[in-house]
């Protein structure tokens, strides 16, 4: 196994098993290559939007966001693109713009939702 994957591959596998969250696990389980490249799924820009979508679903189920109502759009895998994360995280983006992004995704968001998501 060491010869085939190298020490770095084994280290990444150990690390990902040790620190994987339920969100990381959900992304892996719903991917086309379940069980493979788990470390990359935890930190790669290709998967960050999906991790955020899983977090939004969880927080909505718990009643912290979107009045506890999960939209059909939010249930759609891949709908939350990484670019939305970058835009929302930007210091230059006002809360009204954050709310516009969430509404564009079909989320019935309030000002409080925008604050929590940002």
PDB file of N, CA and C in Angstrom:
ATOM      1  N   UNK A   1       0.828  -1.201   0.000  1.00  0.00           N
ATOM      2  CA  UNK A   1       0.000   0.000   0.000  1.00  0.00           C
ATOM      3  C   UNK A   1       0.866   1.255   0.000  1.00  0.00           C
ATOM      4  N   UNK A   2       2.000   1.226   0.762  1.00  0.00           N
ATOM      5  CA  UNK A   2       2.891   2.371   0.803  1.00  0.00           C
ATOM      6  C   UNK A   2       3.500   2.604  -0.573  1.00  0.00           C
ATOM      7  N   UNK A   3       3.874   1.536  -1.251  1.00  0.00           N
ATOM      8  CA  UNK A   3       4.480   1.679  -2.571  1.00  0.00           C
ATOM      9  C   UNK A   3       3.489   2.245  -3.585  1.00  0.00           C
ATOM     10  N   UNK A   4       2.253   1.840  -3.494  1.00  0.00           N
ATOM     11  CA  UNK A   4       1.249   2.271  -4.457  1.00  0.00           C
ATOM     12  C   UNK A   4       0.804   3.718  -4.211  1.00  0.00           C
ATOM     13  N   UNK A   5       0.582   4.113  -2.991  1.00  0.00           N
ATOM     14  CA  UNK A   5       0.022   5.427  -2.689  1.00  0.00           C
ATOM     15  C   UNK A   5       1.036   6.413  -2.130  1.00  0.00           C
ATOM     16  N   UNK A   6       2.142   5.938  -1.644  1.00  0.00           N
ATOM     17  CA  UNK A   6       3.140   6.818  -1.058  1.00  0.00           C
ATOM     18  C   UNK A   6       2.756   7.234   0.345  1.00  0.00           C
ATOM     19  N   UNK A   7       3.723   7.753   1.068  1.00  0.00           N
ATOM     20  CA  UNK A   7       3.506   8.161   2.452  1.00  0.00           C
ATOM     21  C   UNK A   7       2.478   9.285   2.536  1.00  0.00           C
ATOM     22  N   UNK A   8       2.530  10.243   1.598  1.00  0.00           N
ATOM     23  CA  UNK A   8       1.577  11.356   1.612  1.00  0.00           C
ATOM     24  C   UNK A   8       0.143  10.877   1.505  1.00  0.00           C
ATOM     25  N   UNK A   9      -0.105   9.895   0.671  1.00  0.00           N
ATOM     26  CA  UNK A   9      -1.455   9.358   0.512  1.00  0.00           C
ATOM     27  C   UNK A   9      -1.952   8.690   1.779  1.00  0.00           C
ATOM     28  N   UNK A  10      -1.090   7.963   2.456  1.00  0.00           N
ATOM     29  CA  UNK A  10      -1.465   7.319   3.710  1.00  0.00           C
ATOM     30  C   UNK A  10      -1.726   8.363   4.782  1.00  0.00           C
ATOM     31  N   UNK A  11      -0.870   9.385   4.845  1.00  0.00           N
ATOM     32  CA  UNK A  11      -1.052  10.459   5.816  1.00  0.00           C
ATOM     33  C   UNK A  11      -2.384  11.158   5.589  1.00  0.00           C
ATOM     34  N   UNK A  12      -2.690  11.484   4.318  1.00  0.00           N
ATOM     35  CA  UNK A  12      -3.959  12.161   4.016  1.00  0.00           C
ATOM     36  C   UNK A  12      -5.146  11.282   4.395  1.00  0.00           C
ATOM     37  N   UNK A  13      -5.046   9.986   4.159  1.00  0.00           N
ATOM     38  CA  UNK A  13      -6.138   9.077   4.507  1.00  0.00           C
ATOM     39  C   UNK A  13      -6.341   9.042   6.021  1.00  0.00           C
ATOM     40  N   UNK A  14      -5.253   8.948   6.783  1.00  0.00           N
ATOM     41  CA  UNK A  14      -5.351   8.944   8.242  1.00  0.00           C
ATOM     42  C   UNK A  14      -5.944  10.256   8.739  1.00  0.00           C
ATOM     43  N   UNK A  15      -5.438  11.362   8.206  1.00  0.00           N
ATOM     44  CA  UNK A  15      -5.913  12.669   8.638  1.00  0.00           C
ATOM     45  C   UNK A  15      -7.397  12.832   8.341  1.00  0.00           C
ATOM     46  N   UNK A  16      -7.809  12.444   7.155  1.00  0.00           N
ATOM     47  CA  UNK A  16      -9.211  12.635   6.798  1.00  0.00           C
ATOM     48  C   UNK A  16     -10.121  11.772   7.663  1.00  0.00           C
ATOM     49  N   UNK A  17      -9.686  10.573   8.029  1.00  0.00           N
ATOM     50  CA  UNK A  17     -10.496   9.729   8.913  1.00  0.00           C
ATOM     51  C   UNK A  17     -10.607  10.341  10.300  1.00  0.00           C
ATOM     52  N   UNK A  18      -9.531  11.004  10.740  1.00  0.00           N
ATOM     53  CA  UNK A  18      -9.474  11.541  12.086  1.00  0.00           C
ATOM     54  C   UNK A  18     -10.296  12.816  12.257  1.00  0.00           C
ATOM     55  N   UNK A  19     -10.421  13.641  11.225  1.00  0.00           N
ATOM     56  CA  UNK A  19     -11.066  14.940  11.384  1.00  0.00           C
ATOM     57  C   UNK A  19     -12.308  15.126  10.512  1.00  0.00           C
ATOM     58  N   UNK A  20     -12.772  14.085   9.867  1.00  0.00           N
ATOM     59  CA  UNK A  20     -13.957  14.204   9.001  1.00  0.00           C
ATOM     60  C   UNK A  20     -15.191  14.587   9.804  1.00  0.00           C
ATOM     61  N   UNK A  21     -15.954  15.530   9.273  1.00  0.00           N
ATOM     62  CA  UNK A  21     -17.210  15.932   9.902  1.00  0.00           C
ATOM     63  C   UNK A  21     -18.364  15.184   9.252  1.00  0.00           C
ATOM     64  N   UNK A  22     -19.550  15.332   9.813  1.00  0.00           N
ATOM     65  CA  UNK A  22     -20.729  14.718   9.194  1.00  0.00           C
ATOM     66  C   UNK A  22     -20.991  15.335   7.824  1.00  0.00           C
ATOM     67  N   UNK A  23     -20.616  16.598   7.660  1.00  0.00           N
ATOM     68  CA  UNK A  23     -20.799  17.265   6.363  1.00  0.00           C
ATOM     69  C   UNK A  23     -19.851  16.670   5.324  1.00  0.00           C
ATOM     70  N   UNK A  24     -18.598  16.433   5.730  1.00  0.00           N
ATOM     71  CA  UNK A  24     -17.634  15.800   4.827  1.00  0.00           C
ATOM     72  C   UNK A  24     -18.112  14.406   4.433  1.00  0.00           C
ATOM     73  N   UNK A  25     -18.640  13.689   5.402  1.00  0.00           N
ATOM     74  CA  UNK A  25     -19.135  12.338   5.148  1.00  0.00           C
ATOM     75  C   UNK A  25     -20.295  12.369   4.164  1.00  0.00           C
ATOM     76  N   UNK A  26     -21.217  13.319   4.308  1.00  0.00           N
ATOM     77  CA  UNK A  26     -22.360  13.423   3.398  1.00  0.00           C
ATOM     78  C   UNK A  26     -21.894  13.744   1.980  1.00  0.00           C
ATOM     79  N   UNK A  27     -20.909  14.638   1.852  1.00  0.00           N
ATOM     80  CA  UNK A  27     -20.377  14.974   0.532  1.00  0.00           C
ATOM     81  C   UNK A  27     -19.766  13.732  -0.099  1.00  0.00           C
ATOM     82  N   UNK A  28     -18.994  12.977   0.675  1.00  0.00           N
ATOM     83  CA  UNK A  28     -18.366  11.765   0.157  1.00  0.00           C
ATOM     84  C   UNK A  28     -19.416  10.733  -0.254  1.00  0.00           C
ATOM     85  N   UNK A  29     -20.400  10.497   0.588  1.00  0.00           N
ATOM     86  CA  UNK A  29     -21.423   9.493   0.303  1.00  0.00           C
ATOM     87  C   UNK A  29     -22.240   9.828  -0.942  1.00  0.00           C
ATOM     88  N   UNK A  30     -22.415  11.112  -1.226  1.00  0.00           N
ATOM     89  CA  UNK A  30     -23.215  11.521  -2.383  1.00  0.00           C
ATOM     90  C   UNK A  30     -22.374  11.826  -3.614  1.00  0.00           C
ATOM     91  N   UNK A  31     -21.082  11.534  -3.550  1.00  0.00           N
ATOM     92  CA  UNK A  31     -20.203  11.799  -4.688  1.00  0.00           C
ATOM     93  C   UNK A  31     -20.205  10.610  -5.646  1.00  0.00           C
ATOM     94  N   UNK A  32     -19.659  10.839  -6.820  1.00  0.00           N
ATOM     95  CA  UNK A  32     -19.555   9.773  -7.813  1.00  0.00           C
ATOM     96  C   UNK A  32     -18.460   8.770  -7.467  1.00  0.00           C
ATOM     97  N   UNK A  33     -17.530   9.177  -6.613  1.00  0.00           N
ATOM     98  CA  UNK A  33     -16.410   8.302  -6.249  1.00  0.00           C
ATOM     99  C   UNK A  33     -16.333   8.148  -4.724  1.00  0.00           C
ATOM    100  N   UNK A  34     -17.393   7.633  -4.156  1.00  0.00           N
ATOM    101  CA  UNK A  34     -17.477   7.473  -2.702  1.00  0.00           C
ATOM    102  C   UNK A  34     -16.292   6.676  -2.167  1.00  0.00           C
ATOM    103  N   UNK A  35     -15.721   7.189  -1.066  1.00  0.00           N
ATOM    104  CA  UNK A  35     -14.611   6.509  -0.414  1.00  0.00           C
ATOM    105  C   UNK A  35     -13.247   6.839  -0.994  1.00  0.00           C
ATOM    106  N   UNK A  36     -13.225   7.575  -2.074  1.00  0.00           N
ATOM    107  CA  UNK A  36     -11.956   7.930  -2.709  1.00  0.00           C
ATOM    108  C   UNK A  36     -11.767   9.438  -2.625  1.00  0.00           C
ATOM    109  N   UNK A  37     -10.522   9.858  -2.558  1.00  0.00           N
ATOM    110  CA  UNK A  37     -10.150  11.279  -2.520  1.00  0.00           C
ATOM    111  C   UNK A  37     -10.890  12.032  -1.407  1.00  0.00           C
ATOM    112  N   UNK A  38     -11.021  11.395  -0.268  1.00  0.00           N
ATOM    113  CA  UNK A  38     -11.770  12.005   0.831  1.00  0.00           C
ATOM    114  C   UNK A  38     -11.094  13.261   1.356  1.00  0.00           C
ATOM    115  N   UNK A  39      -9.781  13.299   1.392  1.00  0.00           N
ATOM    116  CA  UNK A  39      -9.082  14.496   1.856  1.00  0.00           C
ATOM    117  C   UNK A  39      -9.385  15.667   0.926  1.00  0.00           C
ATOM    118  N   UNK A  40      -9.322  15.421  -0.373  1.00  0.00           N
ATOM    119  CA  UNK A  40      -9.589  16.471  -1.345  1.00  0.00           C
ATOM    120  C   UNK A  40     -11.028  16.980  -1.214  1.00  0.00           C
ATOM    121  N   UNK A  41     -11.955  16.104  -0.896  1.00  0.00           N
ATOM    122  CA  UNK A  41     -13.360  16.503  -0.734  1.00  0.00           C
ATOM    123  C   UNK A  41     -13.556  17.399   0.490  1.00  0.00           C
ATOM    124  N   UNK A  42     -12.630  17.330   1.424  1.00  0.00           N
ATOM    125  CA  UNK A  42     -12.736  18.139   2.640  1.00  0.00           C
ATOM    126  C   UNK A  42     -12.219  19.564   2.437  1.00  0.00           C
ATOM    127  N   UNK A  43     -11.362  19.791   1.438  1.00  0.00           N
ATOM    128  CA  UNK A  43     -10.744  21.117   1.342  1.00  0.00           C
ATOM    129  C   UNK A  43     -10.642  21.669  -0.070  1.00  0.00           C
ATOM    130  N   UNK A  44     -10.919  20.901  -1.059  1.00  0.00           N
ATOM    131  CA  UNK A  44     -10.798  21.367  -2.433  1.00  0.00           C
ATOM    132  C   UNK A  44     -11.930  22.325  -2.786  1.00  0.00           C
ATOM    133  N   UNK A  45     -11.605  23.364  -3.536  1.00  0.00           N
ATOM    134  CA  UNK A  45     -12.610  24.321  -3.970  1.00  0.00           C
ATOM    135  C   UNK A  45     -13.748  23.672  -4.729  1.00  0.00           C
ATOM    136  N   UNK A  46     -13.462  22.564  -5.368  1.00  0.00           N
ATOM    137  CA  UNK A  46     -14.497  21.848  -6.126  1.00  0.00           C
ATOM    138  C   UNK A  46     -15.631  21.363  -5.223  1.00  0.00           C
ATOM    139  N   UNK A  47     -15.342  21.119  -3.957  1.00  0.00           N
ATOM    140  CA  UNK A  47     -16.331  20.549  -3.039  1.00  0.00           C
ATOM    141  C   UNK A  47     -16.810  21.519  -1.960  1.00  0.00           C
ATOM    142  N   UNK A  48     -16.184  22.689  -1.829  1.00  0.00           N
ATOM    143  CA  UNK A  48     -16.532  23.604  -0.731  1.00  0.00           C
ATOM    144  C   UNK A  48     -17.988  24.047  -0.776  1.00  0.00           C
ATOM    145  N   UNK A  49     -18.500  24.332  -1.953  1.00  0.00           N
ATOM    146  CA  UNK A  49     -19.898  24.732  -2.071  1.00  0.00           C
ATOM    147  C   UNK A  49     -20.841  23.649  -1.573  1.00  0.00           C
ATOM    148  N   UNK A  50     -20.510  22.413  -1.867  1.00  0.00           N
ATOM    149  CA  UNK A  50     -21.349  21.296  -1.424  1.00  0.00           C
ATOM    150  C   UNK A  50     -21.267  21.114   0.086  1.00  0.00           C
ATOM    151  N   UNK A  51     -20.097  21.346   0.664  1.00  0.00           N
ATOM    152  CA  UNK A  51     -19.965  21.285   2.124  1.00  0.00           C
ATOM    153  C   UNK A  51     -20.842  22.364   2.756  1.00  0.00           C
ATOM    154  N   UNK A  52     -20.790  23.577   2.199  1.00  0.00           N
ATOM    155  CA  UNK A  52     -21.621  24.671   2.719  1.00  0.00           C
ATOM    156  C   UNK A  52     -23.098  24.329   2.582  1.00  0.00           C
ATOM    157  N   UNK A  53     -23.490  23.739   1.463  1.00  0.00           N
ATOM    158  CA  UNK A  53     -24.898  23.337   1.279  1.00  0.00           C
ATOM    159  C   UNK A  53     -25.325  22.357   2.367  1.00  0.00           C
ATOM    160  N   UNK A  54     -24.462  21.405   2.693  1.00  0.00           N
ATOM    161  CA  UNK A  54     -24.766  20.444   3.761  1.00  0.00           C
ATOM    162  C   UNK A  54     -24.921  21.148   5.113  1.00  0.00           C
ATOM    163  N   UNK A  55     -24.074  22.137   5.365  1.00  0.00           N
ATOM    164  CA  UNK A  55     -24.164  22.906   6.609  1.00  0.00           C
ATOM    165  C   UNK A  55     -25.464  23.700   6.650  1.00  0.00           C
ATOM    166  N   UNK A  56     -25.820  24.337   5.528  1.00  0.00           N
ATOM    167  CA  UNK A  56     -27.069  25.105   5.474  1.00  0.00           C
ATOM    168  C   UNK A  56     -28.280  24.202   5.713  1.00  0.00           C
ATOM    169  N   UNK A  57     -28.262  23.017   5.150  1.00  0.00           N
ATOM    170  CA  UNK A  57     -29.356  22.061   5.367  1.00  0.00           C
ATOM    171  C   UNK A  57     -29.455  21.707   6.842  1.00  0.00           C
ATOM    172  N   UNK A  58     -28.321  21.413   7.458  1.00  0.00           N
ATOM    173  CA  UNK A  58     -28.309  21.049   8.870  1.00  0.00           C
ATOM    174  C   UNK A  58     -28.837  22.189   9.743  1.00  0.00           C
ATOM    175  N   UNK A  59     -28.338  23.400   9.513  1.00  0.00           N
ATOM    176  CA  UNK A  59     -28.779  24.545  10.311  1.00  0.00           C
ATOM    177  C   UNK A  59     -30.254  24.862  10.086  1.00  0.00           C
ATOM    178  N   UNK A  60     -30.736  24.601   8.879  1.00  0.00           N
ATOM    179  CA  UNK A  60     -32.156  24.811   8.598  1.00  0.00           C
ATOM    180  C   UNK A  60     -32.998  23.762   9.314  1.00  0.00           C
ATOM    181  N   UNK A  61     -32.578  22.507   9.274  1.00  0.00           N
ATOM    182  CA  UNK A  61     -33.291  21.444   9.986  1.00  0.00           C
ATOM    183  C   UNK A  61     -33.375  21.738  11.482  1.00  0.00           C
ATOM    184  N   UNK A  62     -32.328  22.351  12.008  1.00  0.00           N
ATOM    185  CA  UNK A  62     -32.294  22.681  13.436  1.00  0.00           C
ATOM    186  C   UNK A  62     -33.094  23.946  13.758  1.00  0.00           C
ATOM    187  N   UNK A  63     -33.598  24.611  12.723  1.00  0.00           N
ATOM    188  CA  UNK A  63     -34.427  25.793  12.915  1.00  0.00           C
ATOM    189  C   UNK A  63     -33.663  27.097  13.047  1.00  0.00           C
ATOM    190  N   UNK A  64     -32.363  27.081  12.752  1.00  0.00           N
ATOM    191  CA  UNK A  64     -31.549  28.295  12.866  1.00  0.00           C
ATOM    192  C   UNK A  64     -31.633  29.187  11.639  1.00  0.00           C
ATOM    193  N   UNK A  65     -31.955  28.614  10.484  1.00  0.00           N
ATOM    194  CA  UNK A  65     -31.991  29.365   9.230  1.00  0.00           C
ATOM    195  C   UNK A  65     -33.305  29.139   8.488  1.00  0.00           C
ATOM    196  N   UNK A  66     -33.658  30.097   7.678  1.00  0.00           N
ATOM    197  CA  UNK A  66     -34.751  29.992   6.718  1.00  0.00           C
ATOM    198  C   UNK A  66     -36.059  29.494   7.326  1.00  0.00           C
ATOM    199  N   UNK A  67     -36.294  29.930   8.568  1.00  0.00           N
ATOM    200  CA  UNK A  67     -37.524  29.579   9.301  1.00  0.00           C
ATOM    201  C   UNK A  67     -37.738  28.056   9.393  1.00  0.00           C
ATOM    202  N   UNK A  68     -36.634  27.329   9.309  1.00  0.00           N
ATOM    203  CA  UNK A  68     -36.706  25.875   9.407  1.00  0.00           C
ATOM    204  C   UNK A  68     -37.241  25.190   8.164  1.00  0.00           C
ATOM    205  N   UNK A  69     -37.397  25.929   7.077  1.00  0.00           N
ATOM    206  CA  UNK A  69     -37.963  25.388   5.836  1.00  0.00           C
ATOM    207  C   UNK A  69     -36.865  25.150   4.800  1.00  0.00           C
ATOM    208  N   UNK A  70     -36.649  23.902   4.446  1.00  0.00           N
ATOM    209  CA  UNK A  70     -35.652  23.556   3.435  1.00  0.00           C
ATOM    210  C   UNK A  70     -36.311  23.640   2.068  1.00  0.00           C
ATOM    211  N   UNK A  71     -35.808  24.522   1.229  1.00  0.00           N
ATOM    212  CA  UNK A  71     -36.368  24.668  -0.115  1.00  0.00           C
ATOM    213  C   UNK A  71     -35.961  23.481  -0.983  1.00  0.00           C
ATOM    214  N   UNK A  72     -36.747  23.238  -2.016  1.00  0.00           N
ATOM    215  CA  UNK A  72     -36.401  22.179  -2.970  1.00  0.00           C
ATOM    216  C   UNK A  72     -35.056  22.484  -3.624  1.00  0.00           C
ATOM    217  N   UNK A  73     -34.792  23.768  -3.847  1.00  0.00           N
ATOM    218  CA  UNK A  73     -33.520  24.156  -4.456  1.00  0.00           C
ATOM    219  C   UNK A  73     -32.351  23.765  -3.563  1.00  0.00           C
ATOM    220  N   UNK A  74     -32.466  24.006  -2.266  1.00  0.00           N
ATOM    221  CA  UNK A  74     -31.384  23.670  -1.339  1.00  0.00           C
ATOM    222  C   UNK A  74     -31.135  22.161  -1.291  1.00  0.00           C
ATOM    223  N   UNK A  75     -32.140  21.378  -1.603  1.00  0.00           N
ATOM    224  CA  UNK A  75     -31.982  19.918  -1.632  1.00  0.00           C
ATOM    225  C   UNK A  75     -31.196  19.436  -2.850  1.00  0.00           C
ATOM    226  N   UNK A  76     -30.981  20.318  -3.808  1.00  0.00           N
ATOM    227  CA  UNK A  76     -30.333  19.954  -5.060  1.00  0.00           C
ATOM    228  C   UNK A  76     -28.815  19.946  -4.917  1.00  0.00           C
ATOM    229  N   UNK A  77     -28.215  18.793  -5.124  1.00  0.00           N
ATOM    230  CA  UNK A  77     -26.767  18.655  -5.035  1.00  0.00           C
ATOM    231  C   UNK A  77     -26.093  19.554  -6.059  1.00  0.00           C
ATOM    232  N   UNK A  78     -25.060  20.268  -5.624  1.00  0.00           N
ATOM    233  CA  UNK A  78     -24.283  21.100  -6.522  1.00  0.00           C
ATOM    234  C   UNK A  78     -24.839  22.500  -6.752  1.00  0.00           C
ATOM    235  N   UNK A  79     -25.975  22.820  -6.153  1.00  0.00           N
ATOM    236  CA  UNK A  79     -26.610  24.120  -6.391  1.00  0.00           C
ATOM    237  C   UNK A  79     -25.830  25.272  -5.764  1.00  0.00           C
ATOM    238  N   UNK A  80     -25.147  25.011  -4.649  1.00  0.00           N
ATOM    239  CA  UNK A  80     -24.394  26.071  -3.971  1.00  0.00           C
ATOM    240  C   UNK A  80     -22.969  26.040  -4.494  1.00  0.00           C
ATOM    241  N   UNK A  81     -22.688  26.891  -5.466  1.00  0.00           N
ATOM    242  CA  UNK A  81     -21.372  26.918  -6.091  1.00  0.00           C
ATOM    243  C   UNK A  81     -20.350  27.588  -5.168  1.00  0.00           C
ATOM    244  N   UNK A  82     -19.112  27.186  -5.311  1.00  0.00           N
ATOM    245  CA  UNK A  82     -18.043  27.753  -4.494  1.00  0.00           C
ATOM    246  C   UNK A  82     -17.955  29.261  -4.679  1.00  0.00           C
ATOM    247  N   UNK A  83     -18.300  29.760  -5.863  1.00  0.00           N
ATOM    248  CA  UNK A  83     -18.241  31.204  -6.095  1.00  0.00           C
ATOM    249  C   UNK A  83     -19.181  31.955  -5.151  1.00  0.00           C
ATOM    250  N   UNK A  84     -20.321  31.340  -4.780  1.00  0.00           N
ATOM    251  CA  UNK A  84     -21.232  31.986  -3.837  1.00  0.00           C
ATOM    252  C   UNK A  84     -20.569  32.126  -2.472  1.00  0.00           C
ATOM    253  N   UNK A  85     -19.828  31.117  -2.067  1.00  0.00           N
ATOM    254  CA  UNK A  85     -19.106  31.162  -0.800  1.00  0.00           C
ATOM    255  C   UNK A  85     -18.098  32.304  -0.808  1.00  0.00           C
ATOM    256  N   UNK A  86     -17.368  32.430  -1.893  1.00  0.00           N
ATOM    257  CA  UNK A  86     -16.380  33.504  -2.003  1.00  0.00           C
ATOM    258  C   UNK A  86     -17.060  34.873  -1.973  1.00  0.00           C
ATOM    259  N   UNK A  87     -18.178  35.001  -2.660  1.00  0.00           N
ATOM    260  CA  UNK A  87     -18.898  36.275  -2.692  1.00  0.00           C
ATOM    261  C   UNK A  87     -19.441  36.634  -1.309  1.00  0.00           C
ATOM    262  N   UNK A  88     -20.059  35.680  -0.640  1.00  0.00           N
ATOM    263  CA  UNK A  88     -20.654  35.927   0.667  1.00  0.00           C
ATOM    264  C   UNK A  88     -19.582  36.263   1.696  1.00  0.00           C
ATOM    265  N   UNK A  89     -18.456  35.601   1.620  1.00  0.00           N
ATOM    266  CA  UNK A  89     -17.373  35.801   2.579  1.00  0.00           C
ATOM    267  C   UNK A  89     -16.683  37.150   2.401  1.00  0.00           C
ATOM    268  N   UNK A  90     -16.802  37.737   1.230  1.00  0.00           N
ATOM    269  CA  UNK A  90     -16.120  38.996   0.930  1.00  0.00           C
ATOM    270  C   UNK A  90     -16.566  40.104   1.875  1.00  0.00           C
ATOM    271  N   UNK A  91     -15.598  40.860   2.389  1.00  0.00           N
ATOM    272  CA  UNK A  91     -15.902  41.990   3.273  1.00  0.00           C
ATOM    273  C   UNK A  91     -16.646  43.100   2.550  1.00  0.00           C
ATOM    274  N   UNK A  92     -16.494  43.171   1.246  1.00  0.00           N
ATOM    275  CA  UNK A  92     -17.126  44.240   0.469  1.00  0.00           C
ATOM    276  C   UNK A  92     -18.611  43.976   0.213  1.00  0.00           C
ATOM    277  N   UNK A  93     -19.067  42.774   0.449  1.00  0.00           N
ATOM    278  CA  UNK A  93     -20.450  42.432   0.125  1.00  0.00           C
ATOM    279  C   UNK A  93     -21.383  42.814   1.259  1.00  0.00           C
ATOM    280  N   UNK A  94     -22.382  43.619   0.951  1.00  0.00           N
ATOM    281  CA  UNK A  94     -23.366  44.047   1.943  1.00  0.00           C
ATOM    282  C   UNK A  94     -24.368  42.926   2.203  1.00  0.00           C
ATOM    283  N   UNK A  95     -25.052  43.006   3.345  1.00  0.00           N
ATOM    284  CA  UNK A  95     -26.018  41.964   3.717  1.00  0.00           C
ATOM    285  C   UNK A  95     -27.151  41.843   2.706  1.00  0.00           C
ATOM    286  N   UNK A  96     -27.550  42.947   2.088  1.00  0.00           N
ATOM    287  CA  UNK A  96     -28.603  42.859   1.067  1.00  0.00           C
ATOM    288  C   UNK A  96     -28.151  42.025  -0.116  1.00  0.00           C
ATOM    289  N   UNK A  97     -26.871  42.104  -0.447  1.00  0.00           N
ATOM    290  CA  UNK A  97     -26.345  41.293  -1.538  1.00  0.00           C
ATOM    291  C   UNK A  97     -26.263  39.823  -1.137  1.00  0.00           C
ATOM    292  N   UNK A  98     -25.924  39.559   0.113  1.00  0.00           N
ATOM    293  CA  UNK A  98     -25.924  38.185   0.616  1.00  0.00           C
ATOM    294  C   UNK A  98     -27.346  37.621   0.519  1.00  0.00           C
ATOM    295  N   UNK A  99     -28.304  38.412   0.953  1.00  0.00           N
ATOM    296  CA  UNK A  99     -29.705  37.986   0.893  1.00  0.00           C
ATOM    297  C   UNK A  99     -30.132  37.730  -0.549  1.00  0.00           C
ATOM    298  N   UNK A 100     -29.678  38.555  -1.481  1.00  0.00           N
ATOM    299  CA  UNK A 100     -30.014  38.363  -2.897  1.00  0.00           C
ATOM    300  C   UNK A 100     -29.456  37.038  -3.420  1.00  0.00           C
ATOM    301  N   UNK A 101     -28.235  36.695  -3.011  1.00  0.00           N
ATOM    302  CA  UNK A 101     -27.653  35.407  -3.417  1.00  0.00           C
ATOM    303  C   UNK A 101     -28.486  34.255  -2.862  1.00  0.00           C
ATOM    304  N   UNK A 102     -28.852  34.339  -1.586  1.00  0.00           N
ATOM    305  CA  UNK A 102     -29.654  33.272  -0.975  1.00  0.00           C
ATOM    306  C   UNK A 102     -31.008  33.155  -1.651  1.00  0.00           C
ATOM    307  N   UNK A 103     -31.626  34.280  -1.983  1.00  0.00           N
ATOM    308  CA  UNK A 103     -32.924  34.242  -2.651  1.00  0.00           C
ATOM    309  C   UNK A 103     -32.794  33.713  -4.070  1.00  0.00           C
ATOM    310  N   UNK A 104     -31.669  34.019  -4.719  1.00  0.00           N
ATOM    311  CA  UNK A 104     -31.403  33.479  -6.053  1.00  0.00           C
ATOM    312  C   UNK A 104     -31.359  31.942  -6.008  1.00  0.00           C
ATOM    313  N   UNK A 105     -30.951  31.415  -4.867  1.00  0.00           N
ATOM    314  CA  UNK A 105     -30.888  29.962  -4.675  1.00  0.00           C
ATOM    315  C   UNK A 105     -32.232  29.389  -4.214  1.00  0.00           C
ATOM    316  N   UNK A 106     -33.264  30.225  -4.197  1.00  0.00           N
ATOM    317  CA  UNK A 106     -34.594  29.754  -3.823  1.00  0.00           C
ATOM    318  C   UNK A 106     -34.812  29.672  -2.326  1.00  0.00           C
ATOM    319  N   UNK A 107     -33.979  30.366  -1.558  1.00  0.00           N
ATOM    320  CA  UNK A 107     -34.085  30.321  -0.109  1.00  0.00           C
ATOM    321  C   UNK A 107     -34.841  31.545   0.385  1.00  0.00           C
ATOM    322  N   UNK A 108     -35.875  31.324   1.147  1.00  0.00           N
ATOM    323  CA  UNK A 108     -36.682  32.409   1.698  1.00  0.00           C
ATOM    324  C   UNK A 108     -35.932  32.979   2.897  1.00  0.00           C
ATOM    325  N   UNK A 109     -35.001  33.884   2.620  1.00  0.00           N
ATOM    326  CA  UNK A 109     -34.105  34.348   3.668  1.00  0.00           C
ATOM    327  C   UNK A 109     -34.551  35.672   4.261  1.00  0.00           C
ATOM    328  N   UNK A 110     -34.217  35.835   5.523  1.00  0.00           N
ATOM    329  CA  UNK A 110     -34.450  37.087   6.231  1.00  0.00           C
ATOM    330  C   UNK A 110     -33.114  37.796   6.400  1.00  0.00           C
ATOM    331  N   UNK A 111     -33.154  38.983   6.942  1.00  0.00           N
ATOM    332  CA  UNK A 111     -31.908  39.713   7.238  1.00  0.00           C
ATOM    333  C   UNK A 111     -31.076  38.914   8.248  1.00  0.00           C
ATOM    334  N   UNK A 112     -31.742  38.327   9.245  1.00  0.00           N
ATOM    335  CA  UNK A 112     -31.027  37.502  10.232  1.00  0.00           C
ATOM    336  C   UNK A 112     -30.339  36.317   9.579  1.00  0.00           C
ATOM    337  N   UNK A 113     -31.011  35.676   8.599  1.00  0.00           N
ATOM    338  CA  UNK A 113     -30.398  34.568   7.882  1.00  0.00           C
ATOM    339  C   UNK A 113     -29.126  35.034   7.184  1.00  0.00           C
ATOM    340  N   UNK A 114     -29.195  36.204   6.568  1.00  0.00           N
ATOM    341  CA  UNK A 114     -28.033  36.745   5.860  1.00  0.00           C
ATOM    342  C   UNK A 114     -26.868  36.961   6.809  1.00  0.00           C
ATOM    343  N   UNK A 115     -27.158  37.467   7.992  1.00  0.00           N
ATOM    344  CA  UNK A 115     -26.111  37.696   8.993  1.00  0.00           C
ATOM    345  C   UNK A 115     -25.480  36.368   9.404  1.00  0.00           C
ATOM    346  N   UNK A 116     -26.309  35.370   9.694  1.00  0.00           N
ATOM    347  CA  UNK A 116     -25.786  34.064  10.119  1.00  0.00           C
ATOM    348  C   UNK A 116     -24.994  33.375   9.023  1.00  0.00           C
ATOM    349  N   UNK A 117     -25.462  33.472   7.807  1.00  0.00           N
ATOM    350  CA  UNK A 117     -24.748  32.827   6.704  1.00  0.00           C
ATOM    351  C   UNK A 117     -23.421  33.513   6.450  1.00  0.00           C
ATOM    352  N   UNK A 118     -23.403  34.830   6.531  1.00  0.00           N
ATOM    353  CA  UNK A 118     -22.152  35.572   6.302  1.00  0.00           C
ATOM    354  C   UNK A 118     -21.146  35.239   7.393  1.00  0.00           C
TER     355      UNK A 118
END
